[in-house]
PDB file of N, CA and C in Angstrom:
ATOM      1  N   MET A   1       0.819  -1.183   0.000  1.00  0.00           N
ATOM      2  CA  MET A   1       0.001   0.001   0.000  1.00  0.00           C
ATOM      3  C   MET A   1       0.875   1.263   0.000  1.00  0.00           C
ATOM      4  N   LEU A   2       1.899   1.248   0.826  1.00  0.00           N
ATOM      5  CA  LEU A   2       2.796   2.394   0.908  1.00  0.00           C
ATOM      6  C   LEU A   2       3.519   2.615  -0.426  1.00  0.00           C
ATOM      7  N   ARG A   3       3.899   1.526  -1.094  1.00  0.00           N
ATOM      8  CA  ARG A   3       4.559   1.620  -2.393  1.00  0.00           C
ATOM      9  C   ARG A   3       3.650   2.265  -3.436  1.00  0.00           C
ATOM     10  N   VAL A   4       2.401   1.942  -3.397  1.00  0.00           N
ATOM     11  CA  VAL A   4       1.442   2.501  -4.351  1.00  0.00           C
ATOM     12  C   VAL A   4       1.292   4.000  -4.114  1.00  0.00           C
ATOM     13  N   LEU A   5       1.202   4.417  -2.863  1.00  0.00           N
ATOM     14  CA  LEU A   5       1.076   5.839  -2.550  1.00  0.00           C
ATOM     15  C   LEU A   5       2.327   6.621  -2.968  1.00  0.00           C
ATOM     16  N   VAL A   6       3.499   6.052  -2.713  1.00  0.00           N
ATOM     17  CA  VAL A   6       4.744   6.705  -3.115  1.00  0.00           C
ATOM     18  C   VAL A   6       4.812   6.806  -4.640  1.00  0.00           C
ATOM     19  N   LEU A   7       4.454   5.751  -5.332  1.00  0.00           N
ATOM     20  CA  LEU A   7       4.467   5.739  -6.795  1.00  0.00           C
ATOM     21  C   LEU A   7       3.483   6.769  -7.346  1.00  0.00           C
ATOM     22  N   LEU A   8       2.294   6.843  -6.785  1.00  0.00           N
ATOM     23  CA  LEU A   8       1.308   7.837  -7.229  1.00  0.00           C
ATOM     24  C   LEU A   8       1.786   9.258  -6.932  1.00  0.00           C
ATOM     25  N   GLY A   9       2.430   9.447  -5.802  1.00  0.00           N
ATOM     26  CA  GLY A   9       2.971  10.758  -5.463  1.00  0.00           C
ATOM     27  C   GLY A   9       4.049  11.200  -6.440  1.00  0.00           C
ATOM     28  N   ILE A  10       4.945  10.293  -6.805  1.00  0.00           N
ATOM     29  CA  ILE A  10       6.015  10.612  -7.767  1.00  0.00           C
ATOM     30  C   ILE A  10       5.420  10.912  -9.136  1.00  0.00           C
ATOM     31  N   ILE A  11       4.479  10.117  -9.569  1.00  0.00           N
ATOM     32  CA  ILE A  11       3.832  10.347 -10.866  1.00  0.00           C
ATOM     33  C   ILE A  11       3.110  11.697 -10.859  1.00  0.00           C
ATOM     34  N   GLY A  12       2.458  12.001  -9.742  1.00  0.00           N
ATOM     35  CA  GLY A  12       1.745  13.280  -9.638  1.00  0.00           C
ATOM     36  C   GLY A  12       2.695  14.470  -9.703  1.00  0.00           C
ATOM     37  N   LEU A  13       3.819  14.379  -9.008  1.00  0.00           N
ATOM     38  CA  LEU A  13       4.785  15.478  -9.028  1.00  0.00           C
ATOM     39  C   LEU A  13       5.438  15.652 -10.394  1.00  0.00           C
ATOM     40  N   VAL A  14       5.767  14.556 -11.046  1.00  0.00           N
ATOM     41  CA  VAL A  14       6.382  14.629 -12.363  1.00  0.00           C
ATOM     42  C   VAL A  14       5.379  15.168 -13.383  1.00  0.00           C
ATOM     43  N   GLY A  15       4.135  14.794 -13.254  1.00  0.00           N
ATOM     44  CA  GLY A  15       3.101  15.258 -14.174  1.00  0.00           C
ATOM     45  C   GLY A  15       2.787  16.733 -14.021  1.00  0.00           C
ATOM     46  N   CYS A  16       3.103  17.330 -12.879  1.00  0.00           N
ATOM     47  CA  CYS A  16       2.794  18.745 -12.652  1.00  0.00           C
ATOM     48  C   CYS A  16       3.804  19.678 -13.293  1.00  0.00           C
ATOM     49  N   THR A  17       4.953  19.201 -13.627  1.00  0.00           N
ATOM     50  CA  THR A  17       5.973  20.091 -14.174  1.00  0.00           C
ATOM     51  C   THR A  17       5.834  20.182 -15.684  1.00  0.00           C
ATOM     52  N   ASP A  18       6.009  21.366 -16.198  1.00  0.00           N
ATOM     53  CA  ASP A  18       6.004  21.604 -17.634  1.00  0.00           C
ATOM     54  C   ASP A  18       7.445  21.828 -18.056  1.00  0.00           C
ATOM     55  N   LYS A  19       7.996  20.931 -18.832  1.00  0.00           N
ATOM     56  CA  LYS A  19       9.416  20.976 -19.190  1.00  0.00           C
ATOM     57  C   LYS A  19       9.724  22.114 -20.171  1.00  0.00           C
ATOM     58  N   ARG A  20       8.713  22.701 -20.789  1.00  0.00           N
ATOM     59  CA  ARG A  20       8.959  23.784 -21.733  1.00  0.00           C
ATOM     60  C   ARG A  20       9.147  25.121 -21.035  1.00  0.00           C
ATOM     61  N   GLN A  21       8.706  25.266 -19.821  1.00  0.00           N
ATOM     62  CA  GLN A  21       8.804  26.508 -19.059  1.00  0.00           C
ATOM     63  C   GLN A  21       9.650  26.274 -17.813  1.00  0.00           C
ATOM     64  N   PRO A  22      10.499  27.227 -17.454  1.00  0.00           N
ATOM     65  CA  PRO A  22      11.256  27.069 -16.208  1.00  0.00           C
ATOM     66  C   PRO A  22      10.325  27.193 -15.008  1.00  0.00           C
ATOM     67  N   ASN A  23      10.672  26.520 -13.952  1.00  0.00           N
ATOM     68  CA  ASN A  23       9.836  26.546 -12.765  1.00  0.00           C
ATOM     69  C   ASN A  23       9.931  27.877 -12.033  1.00  0.00           C
ATOM     70  N   ILE A  24      11.128  28.448 -11.977  1.00  0.00           N
ATOM     71  CA  ILE A  24      11.343  29.671 -11.227  1.00  0.00           C
ATOM     72  C   ILE A  24      12.029  30.684 -12.139  1.00  0.00           C
ATOM     73  N   GLU A  25      11.530  31.897 -12.147  1.00  0.00           N
ATOM     74  CA  GLU A  25      12.180  32.965 -12.897  1.00  0.00           C
ATOM     75  C   GLU A  25      13.070  33.714 -11.928  1.00  0.00           C
ATOM     76  N   LEU A  26      14.373  33.421 -11.978  1.00  0.00           N
ATOM     77  CA  LEU A  26      15.302  33.988 -11.015  1.00  0.00           C
ATOM     78  C   LEU A  26      15.490  35.487 -11.182  1.00  0.00           C
ATOM     79  N   ILE A  27      15.597  35.938 -12.417  1.00  0.00           N
ATOM     80  CA  ILE A  27      15.786  37.359 -12.675  1.00  0.00           C
ATOM     81  C   ILE A  27      14.534  37.850 -13.384  1.00  0.00           C
ATOM     82  N   GLN A  28      13.787  38.698 -12.729  1.00  0.00           N
ATOM     83  CA  GLN A  28      12.537  39.183 -13.290  1.00  0.00           C
ATOM     84  C   GLN A  28      12.776  39.907 -14.606  1.00  0.00           C
ATOM     85  N   ASP A  29      11.893  39.728 -15.540  1.00  0.00           N
ATOM     86  CA  ASP A  29      11.905  40.374 -16.849  1.00  0.00           C
ATOM     87  C   ASP A  29      13.074  39.950 -17.742  1.00  0.00           C
ATOM     88  N   MET A  30      13.873  38.971 -17.353  1.00  0.00           N
ATOM     89  CA  MET A  30      14.974  38.534 -18.191  1.00  0.00           C
ATOM     90  C   MET A  30      14.452  37.858 -19.460  1.00  0.00           C
ATOM     91  N   MET A  31      13.351  37.132 -19.331  1.00  0.00           N
ATOM     92  CA  MET A  31      12.800  36.428 -20.480  1.00  0.00           C
ATOM     93  C   MET A  31      11.911  37.316 -21.332  1.00  0.00           C
ATOM     94  N   LYS A  32      11.551  38.472 -20.835  1.00  0.00           N
ATOM     95  CA  LYS A  32      10.650  39.359 -21.560  1.00  0.00           C
ATOM     96  C   LYS A  32      11.390  40.513 -22.206  1.00  0.00           C
ATOM     97  N   ASP A  33      12.711  40.472 -22.196  1.00  0.00           N
ATOM     98  CA  ASP A  33      13.508  41.542 -22.765  1.00  0.00           C
ATOM     99  C   ASP A  33      13.290  41.581 -24.275  1.00  0.00           C
ATOM    100  N   PRO A  34      12.962  42.745 -24.838  1.00  0.00           N
ATOM    101  CA  PRO A  34      12.693  42.787 -26.279  1.00  0.00           C
ATOM    102  C   PRO A  34      13.970  42.600 -27.085  1.00  0.00           C
ATOM    103  N   SER A  35      13.877  41.833 -28.136  1.00  0.00           N
ATOM    104  CA  SER A  35      15.034  41.680 -28.993  1.00  0.00           C
ATOM    105  C   SER A  35      14.981  42.777 -30.054  1.00  0.00           C
ATOM    106  N   ILE A  36      16.116  43.339 -30.364  1.00  0.00           N
ATOM    107  CA  ILE A  36      16.190  44.451 -31.305  1.00  0.00           C
ATOM    108  C   ILE A  36      16.967  43.992 -32.524  1.00  0.00           C
ATOM    109  N   LYS A  37      16.375  44.142 -33.669  1.00  0.00           N
ATOM    110  CA  LYS A  37      17.031  43.817 -34.927  1.00  0.00           C
ATOM    111  C   LYS A  37      17.824  45.043 -35.398  1.00  0.00           C
ATOM    112  N   ALA A  38      18.809  44.827 -36.236  1.00  0.00           N
ATOM    113  CA  ALA A  38      19.715  45.901 -36.633  1.00  0.00           C
ATOM    114  C   ALA A  38      18.998  47.042 -37.346  1.00  0.00           C
ATOM    115  N   GLN A  39      17.925  46.761 -38.072  1.00  0.00           N
ATOM    116  CA  GLN A  39      17.282  47.805 -38.847  1.00  0.00           C
ATOM    117  C   GLN A  39      15.905  48.186 -38.289  1.00  0.00           C
ATOM    118  N   ASP A  40      15.645  47.887 -37.017  1.00  0.00           N
ATOM    119  CA  ASP A  40      14.371  48.266 -36.402  1.00  0.00           C
ATOM    120  C   ASP A  40      14.319  49.763 -36.139  1.00  0.00           C
ATOM    121  N   TYR A  41      13.104  50.257 -35.955  1.00  0.00           N
ATOM    122  CA  TYR A  41      12.878  51.665 -35.622  1.00  0.00           C
ATOM    123  C   TYR A  41      12.390  51.771 -34.194  1.00  0.00           C
ATOM    124  N   ASP A  42      12.763  52.844 -33.532  1.00  0.00           N
ATOM    125  CA  ASP A  42      12.267  53.156 -32.200  1.00  0.00           C
ATOM    126  C   ASP A  42      11.650  54.546 -32.263  1.00  0.00           C
ATOM    127  N   ASN A  43      10.332  54.607 -32.280  1.00  0.00           N
ATOM    128  CA  ASN A  43       9.644  55.892 -32.439  1.00  0.00           C
ATOM    129  C   ASN A  43       9.825  56.811 -31.237  1.00  0.00           C
ATOM    130  N   ASP A  44      10.290  56.297 -30.114  1.00  0.00           N
ATOM    131  CA  ASP A  44      10.497  57.122 -28.933  1.00  0.00           C
ATOM    132  C   ASP A  44      11.803  57.912 -28.987  1.00  0.00           C
ATOM    133  N   ARG A  45      12.710  57.532 -29.868  1.00  0.00           N
ATOM    134  CA  ARG A  45      13.994  58.225 -29.969  1.00  0.00           C
ATOM    135  C   ARG A  45      13.953  59.257 -31.084  1.00  0.00           C
ATOM    136  N   SER A  46      14.723  60.313 -30.933  1.00  0.00           N
ATOM    137  CA  SER A  46      14.708  61.396 -31.924  1.00  0.00           C
ATOM    138  C   SER A  46      15.258  60.952 -33.281  1.00  0.00           C
ATOM    139  N   ASP A  47      16.267  60.069 -33.282  1.00  0.00           N
ATOM    140  CA  ASP A  47      16.834  59.612 -34.549  1.00  0.00           C
ATOM    141  C   ASP A  47      16.166  58.347 -35.081  1.00  0.00           C
ATOM    142  N   LYS A  48      15.187  57.825 -34.355  1.00  0.00           N
ATOM    143  CA  LYS A  48      14.359  56.663 -34.742  1.00  0.00           C
ATOM    144  C   LYS A  48      15.136  55.354 -34.825  1.00  0.00           C
ATOM    145  N   ARG A  49      16.411  55.323 -34.416  1.00  0.00           N
ATOM    146  CA  ARG A  49      17.204  54.098 -34.484  1.00  0.00           C
ATOM    147  C   ARG A  49      16.977  53.258 -33.241  1.00  0.00           C
ATOM    148  N   ALA A  50      16.693  51.987 -33.429  1.00  0.00           N
ATOM    149  CA  ALA A  50      16.542  51.083 -32.292  1.00  0.00           C
ATOM    150  C   ALA A  50      17.898  50.527 -31.860  1.00  0.00           C
ATOM    151  N   ASN A  51      18.780  50.310 -32.811  1.00  0.00           N
ATOM    152  CA  ASN A  51      20.092  49.753 -32.530  1.00  0.00           C
ATOM    153  C   ASN A  51      21.024  50.897 -32.143  1.00  0.00           C
ATOM    154  N   MET A  52      21.398  50.955 -30.880  1.00  0.00           N
ATOM    155  CA  MET A  52      22.217  52.063 -30.387  1.00  0.00           C
ATOM    156  C   MET A  52      23.687  51.675 -30.377  1.00  0.00           C
ATOM    157  N   LEU A  53      24.533  52.680 -30.420  1.00  0.00           N
ATOM    158  CA  LEU A  53      25.975  52.453 -30.336  1.00  0.00           C
ATOM    159  C   LEU A  53      26.349  52.103 -28.897  1.00  0.00           C
ATOM    160  N   PRO A  54      27.375  51.266 -28.717  1.00  0.00           N
ATOM    161  CA  PRO A  54      27.820  50.981 -27.355  1.00  0.00           C
ATOM    162  C   PRO A  54      28.454  52.225 -26.738  1.00  0.00           C
ATOM    163  N   PRO A  55      28.568  52.278 -25.432  1.00  0.00           N
ATOM    164  CA  PRO A  55      29.196  53.437 -24.790  1.00  0.00           C
ATOM    165  C   PRO A  55      30.628  53.634 -25.295  1.00  0.00           C
ATOM    166  N   GLN A  56      31.025  54.882 -25.431  1.00  0.00           N
ATOM    167  CA  GLN A  56      32.348  55.205 -25.964  1.00  0.00           C
ATOM    168  C   GLN A  56      33.435  54.636 -25.048  1.00  0.00           C
ATOM    169  N   GLY A  57      34.435  54.024 -25.664  1.00  0.00           N
ATOM    170  CA  GLY A  57      35.550  53.465 -24.920  1.00  0.00           C
ATOM    171  C   GLY A  57      35.386  51.992 -24.558  1.00  0.00           C
ATOM    172  N   THR A  58      34.203  51.412 -24.799  1.00  0.00           N
ATOM    173  CA  THR A  58      34.024  50.002 -24.482  1.00  0.00           C
ATOM    174  C   THR A  58      34.515  49.151 -25.650  1.00  0.00           C
ATOM    175  N   VAL A  59      35.063  47.997 -25.329  1.00  0.00           N
ATOM    176  CA  VAL A  59      35.596  47.090 -26.331  1.00  0.00           C
ATOM    177  C   VAL A  59      35.084  45.686 -26.002  1.00  0.00           C
ATOM    178  N   PRO A  60      34.523  44.974 -26.990  1.00  0.00           N
ATOM    179  CA  PRO A  60      34.091  43.598 -26.735  1.00  0.00           C
ATOM    180  C   PRO A  60      35.270  42.718 -26.330  1.00  0.00           C
ATOM    181  N   MET A  61      34.986  41.675 -25.588  1.00  0.00           N
ATOM    182  CA  MET A  61      36.043  40.760 -25.167  1.00  0.00           C
ATOM    183  C   MET A  61      36.673  40.085 -26.377  1.00  0.00           C
ATOM    184  N   ASN A  62      37.976  39.834 -26.315  1.00  0.00           N
ATOM    185  CA  ASN A  62      38.736  39.136 -27.354  1.00  0.00           C
ATOM    186  C   ASN A  62      38.680  39.853 -28.694  1.00  0.00           C
ATOM    187  N   TRP A  63      38.651  41.173 -28.683  1.00  0.00           N
ATOM    188  CA  TRP A  63      38.581  41.944 -29.912  1.00  0.00           C
ATOM    189  C   TRP A  63      39.530  43.127 -29.817  1.00  0.00           C
ATOM    190  N   GLU A  64      40.313  43.325 -30.852  1.00  0.00           N
ATOM    191  CA  GLU A  64      41.222  44.463 -30.908  1.00  0.00           C
ATOM    192  C   GLU A  64      40.557  45.551 -31.728  1.00  0.00           C
ATOM    193  N   PRO A  65      40.408  46.742 -31.189  1.00  0.00           N
ATOM    194  CA  PRO A  65      39.747  47.809 -31.953  1.00  0.00           C
ATOM    195  C   PRO A  65      40.612  48.313 -33.100  1.00  0.00           C
ATOM    196  N   TYR A  66      39.954  48.806 -34.139  1.00  0.00           N
ATOM    197  CA  TYR A  66      40.663  49.431 -35.241  1.00  0.00           C
ATOM    198  C   TYR A  66      41.207  50.776 -34.764  1.00  0.00           C
ATOM    199  N   PRO A  67      42.321  51.205 -35.334  1.00  0.00           N
ATOM    200  CA  PRO A  67      42.819  52.530 -34.935  1.00  0.00           C
ATOM    201  C   PRO A  67      41.835  53.608 -35.385  1.00  0.00           C
ATOM    202  N   ASN A  68      41.640  54.581 -34.557  1.00  0.00           N
ATOM    203  CA  ASN A  68      40.727  55.668 -34.858  1.00  0.00           C
ATOM    204  C   ASN A  68      41.547  56.869 -35.301  1.00  0.00           C
ATOM    205  N   PHE A  69      41.484  57.171 -36.577  1.00  0.00           N
ATOM    206  CA  PHE A  69      42.262  58.273 -37.116  1.00  0.00           C
ATOM    207  C   PHE A  69      41.458  59.557 -36.999  1.00  0.00           C
ATOM    208  N   GLN A  70      42.031  60.535 -36.327  1.00  0.00           N
ATOM    209  CA  GLN A  70      41.346  61.801 -36.100  1.00  0.00           C
ATOM    210  C   GLN A  70      41.532  62.778 -37.266  1.00  0.00           C
ATOM    211  N   ASN A  71      42.581  62.564 -38.076  1.00  0.00           N
ATOM    212  CA  ASN A  71      42.813  63.471 -39.203  1.00  0.00           C
ATOM    213  C   ASN A  71      43.490  62.708 -40.335  1.00  0.00           C
ATOM    214  N   ASP A  72      43.662  63.385 -41.462  1.00  0.00           N
ATOM    215  CA  ASP A  72      44.242  62.745 -42.642  1.00  0.00           C
ATOM    216  C   ASP A  72      45.704  62.381 -42.455  1.00  0.00           C
ATOM    217  N   GLU A  73      46.424  63.131 -41.647  1.00  0.00           N
ATOM    218  CA  GLU A  73      47.848  62.864 -41.436  1.00  0.00           C
ATOM    219  C   GLU A  73      48.056  61.483 -40.814  1.00  0.00           C
ATOM    220  N   GLN A  74      47.187  61.102 -39.897  1.00  0.00           N
ATOM    221  CA  GLN A  74      47.331  59.800 -39.248  1.00  0.00           C
ATOM    222  C   GLN A  74      47.025  58.655 -40.212  1.00  0.00           C
ATOM    223  N   ALA A  75      46.181  58.902 -41.204  1.00  0.00           N
ATOM    224  CA  ALA A  75      45.762  57.840 -42.109  1.00  0.00           C
ATOM    225  C   ALA A  75      46.653  57.722 -43.344  1.00  0.00           C
ATOM    226  N   LYS A  76      47.607  58.644 -43.550  1.00  0.00           N
ATOM    227  CA  LYS A  76      48.424  58.630 -44.769  1.00  0.00           C
ATOM    228  C   LYS A  76      49.277  57.374 -44.892  1.00  0.00           C
ATOM    229  N   GLY A  77      49.671  56.773 -43.800  1.00  0.00           N
ATOM    230  CA  GLY A  77      50.519  55.603 -43.861  1.00  0.00           C
ATOM    231  C   GLY A  77      49.791  54.315 -44.227  1.00  0.00           C
ATOM    232  N   LEU A  78      48.491  54.369 -44.313  1.00  0.00           N
ATOM    233  CA  LEU A  78      47.726  53.162 -44.651  1.00  0.00           C
ATOM    234  C   LEU A  78      47.777  52.883 -46.143  1.00  0.00           C
ATOM    235  N   LYS A  79      47.797  51.605 -46.496  1.00  0.00           N
ATOM    236  CA  LYS A  79      47.783  51.219 -47.901  1.00  0.00           C
ATOM    237  C   LYS A  79      46.603  50.287 -48.148  1.00  0.00           C
ATOM    238  N   ASN A  80      46.025  50.415 -49.316  1.00  0.00           N
ATOM    239  CA  ASN A  80      44.943  49.534 -49.733  1.00  0.00           C
ATOM    240  C   ASN A  80      45.563  48.274 -50.328  1.00  0.00           C
ATOM    241  N   PRO A  81      45.416  47.113 -49.699  1.00  0.00           N
ATOM    242  CA  PRO A  81      46.057  45.901 -50.220  1.00  0.00           C
ATOM    243  C   PRO A  81      45.461  45.443 -51.539  1.00  0.00           C
ATOM    244  N   VAL A  82      44.241  45.831 -51.839  1.00  0.00           N
ATOM    245  CA  VAL A  82      43.587  45.398 -53.072  1.00  0.00           C
ATOM    246  C   VAL A  82      44.086  46.213 -54.267  1.00  0.00           C
ATOM    247  N   ALA A  83      44.526  47.446 -54.033  1.00  0.00           N
ATOM    248  CA  ALA A  83      44.947  48.325 -55.125  1.00  0.00           C
ATOM    249  C   ALA A  83      46.158  47.772 -55.882  1.00  0.00           C
ATOM    250  N   GLU A  84      46.959  46.951 -55.252  1.00  0.00           N
ATOM    251  CA  GLU A  84      48.160  46.412 -55.889  1.00  0.00           C
ATOM    252  C   GLU A  84      47.881  45.184 -56.739  1.00  0.00           C
ATOM    253  N   ILE A  85      46.661  44.668 -56.713  1.00  0.00           N
ATOM    254  CA  ILE A  85      46.307  43.488 -57.503  1.00  0.00           C
ATOM    255  C   ILE A  85      46.040  43.921 -58.939  1.00  0.00           C
ATOM    256  N   LYS A  86      46.650  43.262 -59.880  1.00  0.00           N
ATOM    257  CA  LYS A  86      46.540  43.628 -61.302  1.00  0.00           C
ATOM    258  C   LYS A  86      46.134  42.422 -62.131  1.00  0.00           C
ATOM    259  N   GLY A  87      45.729  42.695 -63.374  1.00  0.00           N
ATOM    260  CA  GLY A  87      45.491  41.662 -64.370  1.00  0.00           C
ATOM    261  C   GLY A  87      44.270  40.803 -64.104  1.00  0.00           C
ATOM    262  N   GLU A  88      44.416  39.530 -64.404  1.00  0.00           N
ATOM    263  CA  GLU A  88      43.308  38.571 -64.304  1.00  0.00           C
ATOM    264  C   GLU A  88      42.822  38.422 -62.862  1.00  0.00           C
ATOM    265  N   GLN A  89      43.739  38.486 -61.931  1.00  0.00           N
ATOM    266  CA  GLN A  89      43.358  38.370 -60.525  1.00  0.00           C
ATOM    267  C   GLN A  89      42.461  39.541 -60.111  1.00  0.00           C
ATOM    268  N   ALA A  90      42.742  40.734 -60.617  1.00  0.00           N
ATOM    269  CA  ALA A  90      41.915  41.894 -60.319  1.00  0.00           C
ATOM    270  C   ALA A  90      40.517  41.735 -60.915  1.00  0.00           C
ATOM    271  N   LYS A  91      40.439  41.201 -62.144  1.00  0.00           N
ATOM    272  CA  LYS A  91      39.127  40.970 -62.770  1.00  0.00           C
ATOM    273  C   LYS A  91      38.315  39.962 -61.961  1.00  0.00           C
ATOM    274  N   ASN A  92      38.972  38.904 -61.520  1.00  0.00           N
ATOM    275  CA  ASN A  92      38.275  37.892 -60.707  1.00  0.00           C
ATOM    276  C   ASN A  92      37.783  38.494 -59.393  1.00  0.00           C
ATOM    277  N   LEU A  93      38.617  39.336 -58.789  1.00  0.00           N
ATOM    278  CA  LEU A  93      38.249  39.974 -57.533  1.00  0.00           C
ATOM    279  C   LEU A  93      37.057  40.916 -57.725  1.00  0.00           C
ATOM    280  N   MET A  94      37.061  41.701 -58.792  1.00  0.00           N
ATOM    281  CA  MET A  94      35.938  42.599 -59.085  1.00  0.00           C
ATOM    282  C   MET A  94      34.665  41.807 -59.359  1.00  0.00           C
ATOM    283  N   SER A  95      34.779  40.716 -60.079  1.00  0.00           N
ATOM    284  CA  SER A  95      33.613  39.875 -60.366  1.00  0.00           C
ATOM    285  C   SER A  95      33.040  39.291 -59.075  1.00  0.00           C
ATOM    286  N   LEU A  96      33.909  38.826 -58.200  1.00  0.00           N
ATOM    287  CA  LEU A  96      33.465  38.297 -56.916  1.00  0.00           C
ATOM    288  C   LEU A  96      32.785  39.389 -56.099  1.00  0.00           C
ATOM    289  N   GLY A  97      33.374  40.589 -56.086  1.00  0.00           N
ATOM    290  CA  GLY A  97      32.772  41.695 -55.351  1.00  0.00           C
ATOM    291  C   GLY A  97      31.403  42.065 -55.886  1.00  0.00           C
ATOM    292  N   GLN A  98      31.240  42.062 -57.211  1.00  0.00           N
ATOM    293  CA  GLN A  98      29.935  42.368 -57.810  1.00  0.00           C
ATOM    294  C   GLN A  98      28.893  41.321 -57.437  1.00  0.00           C
ATOM    295  N   ARG A  99      29.281  40.049 -57.475  1.00  0.00           N
ATOM    296  CA  ARG A  99      28.337  38.984 -57.095  1.00  0.00           C
ATOM    297  C   ARG A  99      27.936  39.108 -55.628  1.00  0.00           C
ATOM    298  N   LYS A 100      28.911  39.374 -54.762  1.00  0.00           N
ATOM    299  CA  LYS A 100      28.613  39.515 -53.336  1.00  0.00           C
ATOM    300  C   LYS A 100      27.709  40.721 -53.092  1.00  0.00           C
ATOM    301  N   TYR A 101      27.983  41.845 -53.791  1.00  0.00           N
ATOM    302  CA  TYR A 101      27.162  43.037 -53.625  1.00  0.00           C
ATOM    303  C   TYR A 101      25.721  42.753 -54.060  1.00  0.00           C
ATOM    304  N   GLN A 102      25.558  42.127 -55.214  1.00  0.00           N
ATOM    305  CA  GLN A 102      24.210  41.829 -55.703  1.00  0.00           C
ATOM    306  C   GLN A 102      23.467  40.877 -54.765  1.00  0.00           C
ATOM    307  N   THR A 103      24.201  39.990 -54.099  1.00  0.00           N
ATOM    308  CA  THR A 103      23.566  39.031 -53.194  1.00  0.00           C
ATOM    309  C   THR A 103      23.214  39.662 -51.861  1.00  0.00           C
ATOM    310  N   TYR A 104      24.132  40.397 -51.267  1.00  0.00           N
ATOM    311  CA  TYR A 104      23.955  40.848 -49.885  1.00  0.00           C
ATOM    312  C   TYR A 104      23.600  42.328 -49.732  1.00  0.00           C
ATOM    313  N   CYS A 105      23.968  43.160 -50.662  1.00  0.00           N
ATOM    314  CA  CYS A 105      23.833  44.615 -50.463  1.00  0.00           C
ATOM    315  C   CYS A 105      22.741  45.249 -51.318  1.00  0.00           C
ATOM    316  N   ALA A 106      22.577  44.760 -52.537  1.00  0.00           N
ATOM    317  CA  ALA A 106      21.663  45.409 -53.483  1.00  0.00           C
ATOM    318  C   ALA A 106      20.214  45.374 -53.019  1.00  0.00           C
ATOM    319  N   VAL A 107      19.871  44.447 -52.166  1.00  0.00           N
ATOM    320  CA  VAL A 107      18.499  44.363 -51.658  1.00  0.00           C
ATOM    321  C   VAL A 107      18.098  45.684 -51.005  1.00  0.00           C
ATOM    322  N   CYS A 108      18.984  46.280 -50.228  1.00  0.00           N
ATOM    323  CA  CYS A 108      18.688  47.540 -49.541  1.00  0.00           C
ATOM    324  C   CYS A 108      19.213  48.755 -50.300  1.00  0.00           C
ATOM    325  N   HIS A 109      20.385  48.636 -50.909  1.00  0.00           N
ATOM    326  CA  HIS A 109      21.060  49.789 -51.485  1.00  0.00           C
ATOM    327  C   HIS A 109      20.839  49.941 -52.977  1.00  0.00           C
ATOM    328  N   GLY A 110      20.185  48.984 -53.618  1.00  0.00           N
ATOM    329  CA  GLY A 110      19.950  49.057 -55.049  1.00  0.00           C
ATOM    330  C   GLY A 110      21.160  48.616 -55.850  1.00  0.00           C
ATOM    331  N   SER A 111      20.952  48.379 -57.123  1.00  0.00           N
ATOM    332  CA  SER A 111      22.047  47.873 -57.941  1.00  0.00           C
ATOM    333  C   SER A 111      23.121  48.919 -58.211  1.00  0.00           C
ATOM    334  N   GLN A 112      22.787  50.210 -58.026  1.00  0.00           N
ATOM    335  CA  GLN A 112      23.766  51.269 -58.243  1.00  0.00           C
ATOM    336  C   GLN A 112      24.483  51.676 -56.949  1.00  0.00           C
ATOM    337  N   GLY A 113      24.064  51.161 -55.814  1.00  0.00           N
ATOM    338  CA  GLY A 113      24.751  51.447 -54.554  1.00  0.00           C
ATOM    339  C   GLY A 113      24.294  52.710 -53.860  1.00  0.00           C
ATOM    340  N   PHE A 114      23.073  53.151 -54.100  1.00  0.00           N
ATOM    341  CA  PHE A 114      22.577  54.387 -53.461  1.00  0.00           C
ATOM    342  C   PHE A 114      21.799  54.081 -52.226  1.00  0.00           C
TER     343      PHE A 114
END
C-alpha cells in the first residue's frame, strides 16, 4: 500500500511540471527583454534608431579595436592591399565583389549602390 502511494505521489509530481517553461524565474523580466534587430525603428527616440551604439571606450572581449584616425595625417601611412592586384586576378576579384554586392547589399542599397 505504501509503495502505491509513493508511486502515485512521484507520478503526480512529475506530471505537474512543464518541461517547456522554467519553474522559477530567477531574474525578473529577463525572459521578456525585447530583442532588437539591426534595422528596427524606435519611435520614442529622436533619430528613430533602435540599434544604439555601445558606450564610448568600451571594447568587446577578445577583440582588438581598429585605430581611430582623427585626421588625414594619421591615415596617410595606410595602404589599400587590393589596389596592388593587377590583371586577371583583379578581374576575378571585381567579379566576386559584384556577385557579393548583388547578393547581400543590393537588396537595400539598389544595384547602383545608393
